[in-house]
Amino acid sequence: MKPPKIPISVLVLIHDGAGRVLLIDRADHPGFWQSVTGSLDAIDEQPRSAAERELWEETGLRADASAWEDWNFSQVYEIYPHWRHRYPEGVTHNTEHVFAVEVPVGAVPTLSPREHIRWAWLDWPEAAERCFSHTNVEAVRQLAGRRGWGHPSRNAGRDTSHPASQSPITPA
């Protein structure tokens, strides 16, 4: 049996620097699109280390230190009731640390089919609309503001989602 999750997590906004955001679709709740997320593995794990680890585990992507942006911002949210069984008894809230990372245009993730079933590069307004979590929606909007993305790219409205099986990179 897995140990309970630590109620401290990371949200990693993956973008291409040109106004497009990578989202992944949860295997356990199809249609729940999100950015990379994950809890700390140990109470002494630093959020930045967790963000780098989660990026690799969930997408097979890595990024140089210069590609990362630690927003030095965290938000507390209520854990959805159907996921509370993963946490210690009585835990109802999680603290989420927000990071952004720029990857090359057209980067192709390798998904773990156990966790995610599809991925899509979307213009930031569509990505914000598709995210199921209100904290993820707000973070995508903040990313657009921080990056000065006033207008979507020329691929606006084109859904570029792909099943996990179309990923050419070998899983980790």
N, C-alpha and C. Protein backbone atom coordinates (compact mmCIF):
# COMPACT_ATOMS: atom_id res chain seq x y z
N MET A 1 0.83 -1.19 0.00
CA MET A 1 0.00 0.00 0.00
C MET A 1 0.87 1.25 0.00
N LYS A 2 0.50 2.21 -0.82
CA LYS A 2 1.26 3.45 -0.90
C LYS A 2 1.09 4.28 0.37
N PRO A 3 2.15 4.98 0.78
CA PRO A 3 1.99 5.89 1.93
C PRO A 3 1.10 7.07 1.53
N PRO A 4 0.48 7.71 2.49
CA PRO A 4 -0.38 8.86 2.17
C PRO A 4 0.42 9.97 1.49
N LYS A 5 -0.26 10.69 0.61
CA LYS A 5 0.39 11.81 -0.08
C LYS A 5 0.62 12.97 0.89
N ILE A 6 1.68 13.70 0.65
CA ILE A 6 1.98 14.91 1.41
C ILE A 6 1.13 16.03 0.80
N PRO A 7 0.39 16.80 1.60
CA PRO A 7 -0.48 17.83 1.04
C PRO A 7 0.26 19.12 0.64
N ILE A 8 1.40 18.93 0.01
CA ILE A 8 2.18 20.02 -0.58
C ILE A 8 2.53 19.56 -1.98
N SER A 9 2.20 20.37 -2.98
CA SER A 9 2.39 19.94 -4.36
C SER A 9 2.95 21.07 -5.22
N VAL A 10 3.18 20.71 -6.48
CA VAL A 10 3.64 21.68 -7.48
C VAL A 10 2.68 21.67 -8.67
N LEU A 11 2.57 22.81 -9.29
CA LEU A 11 1.86 22.98 -10.56
C LEU A 11 2.91 23.51 -11.52
N VAL A 12 3.13 22.79 -12.62
CA VAL A 12 4.15 23.17 -13.59
C VAL A 12 3.48 23.52 -14.91
N LEU A 13 3.52 24.79 -15.26
CA LEU A 13 2.97 25.27 -16.53
C LEU A 13 4.04 25.11 -17.59
N ILE A 14 3.80 24.24 -18.56
CA ILE A 14 4.75 23.99 -19.63
C ILE A 14 4.30 24.81 -20.83
N HIS A 15 5.20 25.64 -21.35
CA HIS A 15 4.85 26.49 -22.48
C HIS A 15 5.99 26.54 -23.48
N ASP A 16 5.67 27.03 -24.69
CA ASP A 16 6.68 27.08 -25.75
C ASP A 16 7.24 28.48 -25.97
N GLY A 17 6.88 29.43 -25.12
CA GLY A 17 7.37 30.79 -25.26
C GLY A 17 6.64 31.60 -26.31
N ALA A 18 5.75 30.95 -27.06
CA ALA A 18 5.03 31.62 -28.15
C ALA A 18 3.51 31.64 -27.91
N GLY A 19 3.10 31.43 -26.68
CA GLY A 19 1.69 31.52 -26.36
C GLY A 19 0.95 30.20 -26.31
N ARG A 20 1.67 29.10 -26.44
CA ARG A 20 1.01 27.78 -26.39
C ARG A 20 1.42 27.06 -25.11
N VAL A 21 0.44 26.35 -24.54
CA VAL A 21 0.61 25.67 -23.27
C VAL A 21 0.31 24.18 -23.48
N LEU A 22 1.13 23.33 -22.88
CA LEU A 22 0.93 21.89 -22.96
C LEU A 22 0.01 21.46 -21.83
N LEU A 23 -1.08 20.75 -22.19
CA LEU A 23 -1.97 20.15 -21.19
C LEU A 23 -2.00 18.64 -21.40
N ILE A 24 -2.29 17.92 -20.31
CA ILE A 24 -2.40 16.48 -20.35
C ILE A 24 -3.74 16.07 -19.73
N ASP A 25 -4.30 14.99 -20.24
CA ASP A 25 -5.62 14.52 -19.84
C ASP A 25 -5.46 13.34 -18.89
N ARG A 26 -6.08 13.43 -17.72
CA ARG A 26 -5.95 12.42 -16.67
C ARG A 26 -6.55 11.08 -17.08
N ALA A 27 -5.84 10.00 -16.80
CA ALA A 27 -6.35 8.66 -17.10
C ALA A 27 -7.48 8.27 -16.16
N ASP A 28 -7.39 8.69 -14.89
CA ASP A 28 -8.41 8.29 -13.92
C ASP A 28 -9.69 9.11 -14.01
N HIS A 29 -9.65 10.23 -14.73
CA HIS A 29 -10.83 11.07 -14.96
C HIS A 29 -10.71 11.69 -16.35
N PRO A 30 -10.95 10.93 -17.41
CA PRO A 30 -10.84 11.49 -18.76
C PRO A 30 -11.67 12.76 -18.89
N GLY A 31 -11.05 13.74 -19.56
CA GLY A 31 -11.68 15.05 -19.70
C GLY A 31 -11.21 16.04 -18.65
N PHE A 32 -10.42 15.59 -17.67
CA PHE A 32 -9.85 16.47 -16.66
C PHE A 32 -8.45 16.87 -17.16
N TRP A 33 -8.42 17.87 -18.01
CA TRP A 33 -7.16 18.36 -18.57
C TRP A 33 -6.46 19.23 -17.54
N GLN A 34 -5.13 19.14 -17.54
CA GLN A 34 -4.35 19.88 -16.55
C GLN A 34 -2.91 20.07 -17.02
N SER A 35 -2.22 20.94 -16.30
CA SER A 35 -0.78 21.04 -16.43
C SER A 35 -0.17 19.93 -15.58
N VAL A 36 1.13 19.80 -15.60
CA VAL A 36 1.81 18.82 -14.76
C VAL A 36 1.61 19.21 -13.29
N THR A 37 1.24 18.23 -12.48
CA THR A 37 1.09 18.45 -11.05
C THR A 37 1.65 17.25 -10.31
N GLY A 38 1.94 17.45 -9.05
CA GLY A 38 2.38 16.33 -8.24
C GLY A 38 2.78 16.76 -6.86
N SER A 39 2.64 15.84 -5.92
CA SER A 39 2.99 16.10 -4.53
C SER A 39 4.47 15.88 -4.29
N LEU A 40 4.96 16.49 -3.22
CA LEU A 40 6.33 16.22 -2.79
C LEU A 40 6.41 14.74 -2.44
N ASP A 41 7.54 14.11 -2.73
CA ASP A 41 7.74 12.70 -2.39
C ASP A 41 8.18 12.53 -0.94
N ALA A 42 8.78 13.57 -0.38
CA ALA A 42 9.24 13.55 1.01
C ALA A 42 9.08 14.96 1.57
N ILE A 43 8.86 15.06 2.85
CA ILE A 43 8.62 16.36 3.46
C ILE A 43 9.82 17.30 3.29
N ASP A 44 11.03 16.74 3.11
CA ASP A 44 12.20 17.60 2.93
C ASP A 44 12.54 17.85 1.45
N GLU A 45 11.73 17.33 0.52
CA GLU A 45 11.96 17.61 -0.90
C GLU A 45 11.59 19.07 -1.18
N GLN A 46 12.45 19.76 -1.89
CA GLN A 46 12.18 21.15 -2.24
C GLN A 46 11.18 21.21 -3.40
N PRO A 47 10.27 22.19 -3.40
CA PRO A 47 9.29 22.29 -4.48
C PRO A 47 9.92 22.34 -5.88
N ARG A 48 11.04 23.03 -6.04
CA ARG A 48 11.68 23.10 -7.36
C ARG A 48 12.13 21.70 -7.80
N SER A 49 12.70 20.92 -6.88
CA SER A 49 13.10 19.55 -7.20
C SER A 49 11.90 18.71 -7.57
N ALA A 50 10.80 18.89 -6.85
CA ALA A 50 9.57 18.15 -7.16
C ALA A 50 9.05 18.54 -8.54
N ALA A 51 9.14 19.84 -8.88
CA ALA A 51 8.67 20.30 -10.19
C ALA A 51 9.48 19.66 -11.31
N GLU A 52 10.80 19.62 -11.16
CA GLU A 52 11.66 18.99 -12.18
C GLU A 52 11.36 17.50 -12.29
N ARG A 53 11.19 16.84 -11.14
CA ARG A 53 10.90 15.41 -11.13
C ARG A 53 9.56 15.13 -11.79
N GLU A 54 8.54 15.90 -11.45
CA GLU A 54 7.21 15.69 -12.02
C GLU A 54 7.19 15.95 -13.53
N LEU A 55 7.93 16.97 -13.98
CA LEU A 55 8.01 17.22 -15.42
C LEU A 55 8.54 15.98 -16.13
N TRP A 56 9.60 15.40 -15.59
CA TRP A 56 10.20 14.21 -16.19
C TRP A 56 9.26 13.00 -16.10
N GLU A 57 8.70 12.76 -14.90
CA GLU A 57 7.85 11.58 -14.70
C GLU A 57 6.59 11.62 -15.56
N GLU A 58 5.99 12.81 -15.68
CA GLU A 58 4.70 12.89 -16.37
C GLU A 58 4.79 13.15 -17.87
N THR A 59 5.94 13.70 -18.33
CA THR A 59 6.04 14.03 -19.75
C THR A 59 7.30 13.50 -20.42
N GLY A 60 8.27 13.05 -19.66
CA GLY A 60 9.54 12.63 -20.25
C GLY A 60 10.38 13.80 -20.72
N LEU A 61 9.98 15.02 -20.39
CA LEU A 61 10.71 16.22 -20.81
C LEU A 61 11.63 16.69 -19.70
N ARG A 62 12.73 17.28 -20.09
CA ARG A 62 13.66 17.93 -19.16
C ARG A 62 13.93 19.33 -19.69
N ALA A 63 14.37 20.20 -18.80
CA ALA A 63 14.66 21.58 -19.21
C ALA A 63 15.86 22.09 -18.44
N ASP A 64 16.65 22.92 -19.10
CA ASP A 64 17.79 23.56 -18.46
C ASP A 64 17.30 24.50 -17.35
N ALA A 65 18.17 24.78 -16.41
CA ALA A 65 17.83 25.67 -15.30
C ALA A 65 17.31 27.02 -15.78
N SER A 66 17.87 27.52 -16.88
CA SER A 66 17.46 28.84 -17.39
C SER A 66 16.04 28.85 -17.95
N ALA A 67 15.48 27.67 -18.23
CA ALA A 67 14.12 27.58 -18.78
C ALA A 67 13.05 27.63 -17.69
N TRP A 68 13.46 27.49 -16.44
CA TRP A 68 12.52 27.43 -15.32
C TRP A 68 12.25 28.80 -14.73
N GLU A 69 11.02 28.99 -14.29
CA GLU A 69 10.64 30.20 -13.58
C GLU A 69 9.87 29.79 -12.32
N ASP A 70 10.47 30.07 -11.16
CA ASP A 70 9.80 29.82 -9.89
C ASP A 70 9.02 31.09 -9.56
N TRP A 71 7.72 30.98 -9.51
CA TRP A 71 6.89 32.16 -9.27
C TRP A 71 6.95 32.61 -7.82
N ASN A 72 7.60 31.83 -6.94
CA ASN A 72 7.63 32.16 -5.51
C ASN A 72 6.24 32.48 -5.02
N PHE A 73 5.31 31.63 -5.44
CA PHE A 73 3.89 31.81 -5.13
C PHE A 73 3.30 30.45 -4.83
N SER A 74 2.50 30.40 -3.80
CA SER A 74 1.77 29.16 -3.52
C SER A 74 0.32 29.51 -3.22
N GLN A 75 -0.53 28.54 -3.46
CA GLN A 75 -1.95 28.74 -3.21
C GLN A 75 -2.48 27.52 -2.47
N VAL A 76 -3.45 27.75 -1.62
CA VAL A 76 -4.06 26.67 -0.87
C VAL A 76 -5.43 26.41 -1.47
N TYR A 77 -5.72 25.14 -1.72
CA TYR A 77 -7.04 24.79 -2.25
C TYR A 77 -7.58 23.57 -1.55
N GLU A 78 -8.89 23.42 -1.61
CA GLU A 78 -9.55 22.25 -1.03
C GLU A 78 -9.36 21.06 -1.96
N ILE A 79 -8.95 19.95 -1.40
CA ILE A 79 -8.75 18.72 -2.17
C ILE A 79 -10.13 18.16 -2.53
N TYR A 80 -10.31 17.80 -3.80
CA TYR A 80 -11.58 17.21 -4.22
C TYR A 80 -11.89 15.99 -3.34
N PRO A 81 -13.14 15.86 -2.88
CA PRO A 81 -13.49 14.74 -1.99
C PRO A 81 -13.10 13.37 -2.54
N HIS A 82 -13.22 13.15 -3.86
CA HIS A 82 -12.91 11.82 -4.40
C HIS A 82 -11.41 11.51 -4.42
N TRP A 83 -10.56 12.48 -4.06
CA TRP A 83 -9.12 12.23 -3.98
C TRP A 83 -8.58 12.31 -2.55
N ARG A 84 -9.43 12.60 -1.57
CA ARG A 84 -8.96 12.76 -0.19
C ARG A 84 -8.43 11.47 0.41
N HIS A 85 -8.88 10.32 -0.09
CA HIS A 85 -8.41 9.04 0.46
C HIS A 85 -6.90 8.85 0.25
N ARG A 86 -6.31 9.64 -0.63
CA ARG A 86 -4.87 9.52 -0.91
C ARG A 86 -4.01 10.22 0.15
N TYR A 87 -4.64 11.03 1.00
CA TYR A 87 -3.94 11.86 1.98
C TYR A 87 -4.17 11.32 3.39
N PRO A 88 -3.36 11.80 4.35
CA PRO A 88 -3.61 11.36 5.73
C PRO A 88 -5.04 11.72 6.15
N GLU A 89 -5.57 10.92 7.04
CA GLU A 89 -6.94 11.12 7.51
C GLU A 89 -7.11 12.55 8.04
N GLY A 90 -8.20 13.17 7.63
CA GLY A 90 -8.53 14.52 8.10
C GLY A 90 -7.96 15.64 7.25
N VAL A 91 -7.06 15.34 6.32
CA VAL A 91 -6.48 16.39 5.47
C VAL A 91 -7.49 16.75 4.38
N THR A 92 -7.79 18.04 4.28
CA THR A 92 -8.78 18.50 3.30
C THR A 92 -8.22 19.56 2.35
N HIS A 93 -7.03 20.11 2.66
CA HIS A 93 -6.47 21.18 1.84
C HIS A 93 -5.02 20.86 1.45
N ASN A 94 -4.61 21.42 0.34
CA ASN A 94 -3.28 21.22 -0.22
C ASN A 94 -2.66 22.59 -0.51
N THR A 95 -1.36 22.69 -0.33
CA THR A 95 -0.62 23.90 -0.70
C THR A 95 0.13 23.60 -1.99
N GLU A 96 -0.13 24.40 -3.02
CA GLU A 96 0.42 24.18 -4.36
C GLU A 96 1.39 25.31 -4.73
N HIS A 97 2.62 24.93 -5.08
CA HIS A 97 3.65 25.88 -5.50
C HIS A 97 3.66 25.93 -7.03
N VAL A 98 3.73 27.14 -7.59
CA VAL A 98 3.57 27.31 -9.04
C VAL A 98 4.92 27.60 -9.71
N PHE A 99 5.16 26.87 -10.81
CA PHE A 99 6.36 27.03 -11.63
C PHE A 99 5.93 27.09 -13.09
N ALA A 100 6.77 27.71 -13.90
CA ALA A 100 6.59 27.69 -15.35
C ALA A 100 7.91 27.23 -15.95
N VAL A 101 7.82 26.51 -17.07
CA VAL A 101 9.02 26.06 -17.76
C VAL A 101 8.79 26.17 -19.26
N GLU A 102 9.77 26.72 -19.94
CA GLU A 102 9.70 26.86 -21.40
C GLU A 102 10.46 25.71 -22.05
N VAL A 103 9.78 25.04 -22.98
CA VAL A 103 10.38 23.95 -23.73
C VAL A 103 10.34 24.32 -25.21
N PRO A 104 11.11 23.64 -26.05
CA PRO A 104 11.13 23.98 -27.46
C PRO A 104 9.74 23.83 -28.12
N VAL A 105 9.48 24.70 -29.08
CA VAL A 105 8.24 24.62 -29.85
C VAL A 105 8.13 23.22 -30.44
N GLY A 106 6.96 22.62 -30.29
CA GLY A 106 6.73 21.30 -30.86
C GLY A 106 7.24 20.14 -30.03
N ALA A 107 7.72 20.41 -28.81
CA ALA A 107 8.19 19.31 -27.97
C ALA A 107 7.09 18.26 -27.83
N VAL A 108 7.49 17.00 -27.93
CA VAL A 108 6.53 15.88 -27.87
C VAL A 108 6.73 15.15 -26.54
N PRO A 109 5.72 15.16 -25.69
CA PRO A 109 5.86 14.47 -24.41
C PRO A 109 5.67 12.96 -24.53
N THR A 110 6.21 12.25 -23.57
CA THR A 110 5.96 10.82 -23.41
C THR A 110 5.14 10.67 -22.15
N LEU A 111 3.91 10.22 -22.29
CA LEU A 111 3.02 10.11 -21.14
C LEU A 111 3.06 8.70 -20.55
N SER A 112 2.84 8.63 -19.25
CA SER A 112 2.63 7.36 -18.59
C SER A 112 1.15 7.03 -18.73
N PRO A 113 0.78 6.00 -19.50
CA PRO A 113 -0.64 5.70 -19.70
C PRO A 113 -1.40 5.43 -18.40
N ARG A 114 -0.68 5.09 -17.35
CA ARG A 114 -1.31 4.89 -16.04
C ARG A 114 -1.84 6.21 -15.49
N GLU A 115 -1.18 7.34 -15.86
CA GLU A 115 -1.55 8.64 -15.32
C GLU A 115 -2.31 9.53 -16.31
N HIS A 116 -1.89 9.49 -17.59
CA HIS A 116 -2.47 10.41 -18.58
C HIS A 116 -2.69 9.70 -19.90
N ILE A 117 -3.74 10.10 -20.61
CA ILE A 117 -4.10 9.40 -21.84
C ILE A 117 -3.91 10.22 -23.10
N ARG A 118 -3.86 11.53 -22.99
CA ARG A 118 -3.67 12.40 -24.16
C ARG A 118 -2.91 13.65 -23.76
N TRP A 119 -2.34 14.29 -24.75
CA TRP A 119 -1.70 15.58 -24.54
C TRP A 119 -2.09 16.51 -25.68
N ALA A 120 -1.98 17.82 -25.41
CA ALA A 120 -2.32 18.80 -26.45
C ALA A 120 -1.56 20.10 -26.19
N TRP A 121 -1.02 20.66 -27.27
CA TRP A 121 -0.48 22.02 -27.24
C TRP A 121 -1.64 22.93 -27.64
N LEU A 122 -1.96 23.89 -26.78
CA LEU A 122 -3.10 24.77 -27.02
C LEU A 122 -2.70 26.22 -26.84
N ASP A 123 -3.30 27.11 -27.63
CA ASP A 123 -3.13 28.54 -27.37
C ASP A 123 -3.61 28.81 -25.96
N TRP A 124 -2.96 29.74 -25.28
CA TRP A 124 -3.22 29.91 -23.85
C TRP A 124 -4.69 30.15 -23.51
N PRO A 125 -5.48 30.90 -24.31
CA PRO A 125 -6.89 31.06 -23.90
C PRO A 125 -7.65 29.72 -23.90
N GLU A 126 -7.39 28.88 -24.89
CA GLU A 126 -8.05 27.58 -24.95
C GLU A 126 -7.55 26.67 -23.82
N ALA A 127 -6.27 26.76 -23.51
CA ALA A 127 -5.73 25.96 -22.41
C ALA A 127 -6.41 26.36 -21.10
N ALA A 128 -6.55 27.66 -20.87
CA ALA A 128 -7.22 28.12 -19.65
C ALA A 128 -8.66 27.62 -19.60
N GLU A 129 -9.32 27.63 -20.72
CA GLU A 129 -10.71 27.17 -20.79
C GLU A 129 -10.84 25.67 -20.56
N ARG A 130 -9.86 24.91 -21.00
CA ARG A 130 -9.94 23.44 -20.93
C ARG A 130 -9.55 22.89 -19.55
N CYS A 131 -8.73 23.61 -18.79
CA CYS A 131 -8.30 23.10 -17.47
C CYS A 131 -9.50 22.91 -16.56
N PHE A 132 -9.52 21.78 -15.83
CA PHE A 132 -10.63 21.51 -14.91
C PHE A 132 -10.45 22.20 -13.57
N SER A 133 -9.22 22.47 -13.18
CA SER A 133 -8.93 23.05 -11.86
C SER A 133 -8.89 24.57 -11.94
N HIS A 134 -9.61 25.21 -11.02
CA HIS A 134 -9.63 26.68 -11.01
C HIS A 134 -8.25 27.27 -10.76
N THR A 135 -7.40 26.58 -9.98
CA THR A 135 -6.06 27.11 -9.75
C THR A 135 -5.22 27.01 -11.02
N ASN A 136 -5.43 25.97 -11.81
CA ASN A 136 -4.72 25.81 -13.08
C ASN A 136 -5.19 26.86 -14.09
N VAL A 137 -6.50 27.09 -14.14
CA VAL A 137 -7.05 28.12 -15.03
C VAL A 137 -6.41 29.47 -14.73
N GLU A 138 -6.40 29.84 -13.46
CA GLU A 138 -5.85 31.14 -13.07
C GLU A 138 -4.35 31.20 -13.35
N ALA A 139 -3.64 30.12 -13.13
CA ALA A 139 -2.19 30.12 -13.38
C ALA A 139 -1.90 30.30 -14.87
N VAL A 140 -2.67 29.67 -15.75
CA VAL A 140 -2.46 29.85 -17.20
C VAL A 140 -2.70 31.31 -17.57
N ARG A 141 -3.74 31.92 -17.02
CA ARG A 141 -4.01 33.34 -17.30
C ARG A 141 -2.88 34.23 -16.79
N GLN A 142 -2.37 33.90 -15.60
CA GLN A 142 -1.24 34.67 -15.07
C GLN A 142 0.01 34.50 -15.92
N LEU A 143 0.23 33.29 -16.42
CA LEU A 143 1.37 33.03 -17.31
C LEU A 143 1.28 33.93 -18.53
N ALA A 144 0.09 33.99 -19.14
CA ALA A 144 -0.10 34.85 -20.32
C ALA A 144 0.22 36.30 -20.00
N GLY A 145 -0.23 36.77 -18.85
CA GLY A 145 0.07 38.15 -18.46
C GLY A 145 1.55 38.38 -18.22
N ARG A 146 2.19 37.46 -17.55
CA ARG A 146 3.63 37.58 -17.27
C ARG A 146 4.45 37.58 -18.56
N ARG A 147 4.01 36.79 -19.54
CA ARG A 147 4.75 36.66 -20.80
C ARG A 147 4.33 37.69 -21.84
N GLY A 148 3.27 38.45 -21.57
CA GLY A 148 2.81 39.46 -22.52
C GLY A 148 2.11 38.87 -23.72
N TRP A 149 1.42 37.74 -23.53
CA TRP A 149 0.71 37.09 -24.62
C TRP A 149 -0.68 37.69 -24.76
N GLY A 150 -0.80 38.75 -25.52
CA GLY A 150 -2.10 39.37 -25.70
C GLY A 150 -2.96 38.67 -26.73
N HIS A 151 -2.35 38.02 -27.70
CA HIS A 151 -3.09 37.40 -28.80
C HIS A 151 -2.62 35.97 -29.00
N PRO A 152 -3.56 35.06 -29.26
CA PRO A 152 -3.16 33.68 -29.53
C PRO A 152 -2.32 33.57 -30.79
N SER A 153 -1.60 32.46 -30.90
CA SER A 153 -0.78 32.22 -32.09
C SER A 153 -1.64 31.93 -33.31
N ARG A 154 -1.03 31.77 -34.44
CA ARG A 154 -1.76 31.57 -35.69
C ARG A 154 -2.52 30.24 -35.76
N ASN A 155 -2.28 29.34 -34.82
CA ASN A 155 -2.98 28.06 -34.81
C ASN A 155 -4.24 28.09 -33.95
N ALA A 156 -4.76 29.27 -33.65
CA ALA A 156 -5.92 29.41 -32.77
C ALA A 156 -7.05 28.49 -33.19
N GLY A 157 -7.61 27.83 -32.19
CA GLY A 157 -8.76 26.99 -32.43
C GLY A 157 -8.44 25.60 -32.95
N ARG A 158 -7.20 25.33 -33.30
CA ARG A 158 -6.84 24.01 -33.83
C ARG A 158 -6.47 23.10 -32.68
N ASP A 159 -7.24 22.05 -32.48
CA ASP A 159 -6.98 21.09 -31.41
C ASP A 159 -5.87 20.17 -31.89
N THR A 160 -4.78 20.14 -31.13
CA THR A 160 -3.65 19.30 -31.51
C THR A 160 -3.43 18.22 -30.46
N SER A 161 -4.53 17.65 -29.95
CA SER A 161 -4.38 16.62 -28.92
C SER A 161 -3.95 15.30 -29.57
N HIS A 162 -3.19 14.54 -28.81
CA HIS A 162 -2.64 13.28 -29.28
C HIS A 162 -2.77 12.24 -28.19
N PRO A 163 -3.12 11.00 -28.55
CA PRO A 163 -3.12 9.95 -27.53
C PRO A 163 -1.71 9.65 -27.09
N ALA A 164 -1.59 9.14 -25.88
CA ALA A 164 -0.27 8.83 -25.32
C ALA A 164 0.52 7.91 -26.25
N SER A 165 -0.16 7.04 -26.97
CA SER A 165 0.54 6.07 -27.82
C SER A 165 1.24 6.71 -29.01
N GLN A 166 0.94 7.95 -29.33
CA GLN A 166 1.59 8.61 -30.47
C GLN A 166 2.91 9.26 -30.10
N SER A 167 3.32 9.10 -28.89
CA SER A 167 4.54 9.73 -28.42
C SER A 167 5.76 8.92 -28.83
N PRO A 168 6.70 9.50 -29.61
CA PRO A 168 7.83 8.74 -30.08
C PRO A 168 8.97 8.58 -29.08
N ILE A 169 8.94 9.30 -27.96
CA ILE A 169 10.01 9.23 -26.99
C ILE A 169 9.78 8.04 -26.08
N THR A 170 10.83 7.32 -25.72
CA THR A 170 10.72 6.17 -24.84
C THR A 170 10.40 6.64 -23.43
N PRO A 171 9.36 6.05 -22.78
CA PRO A 171 9.01 6.45 -21.42
C PRO A 171 10.15 6.25 -20.45
N ALA A 172 10.12 7.05 -19.39
CA ALA A 172 11.16 6.96 -18.35
C ALA A 172 11.02 5.71 -17.54
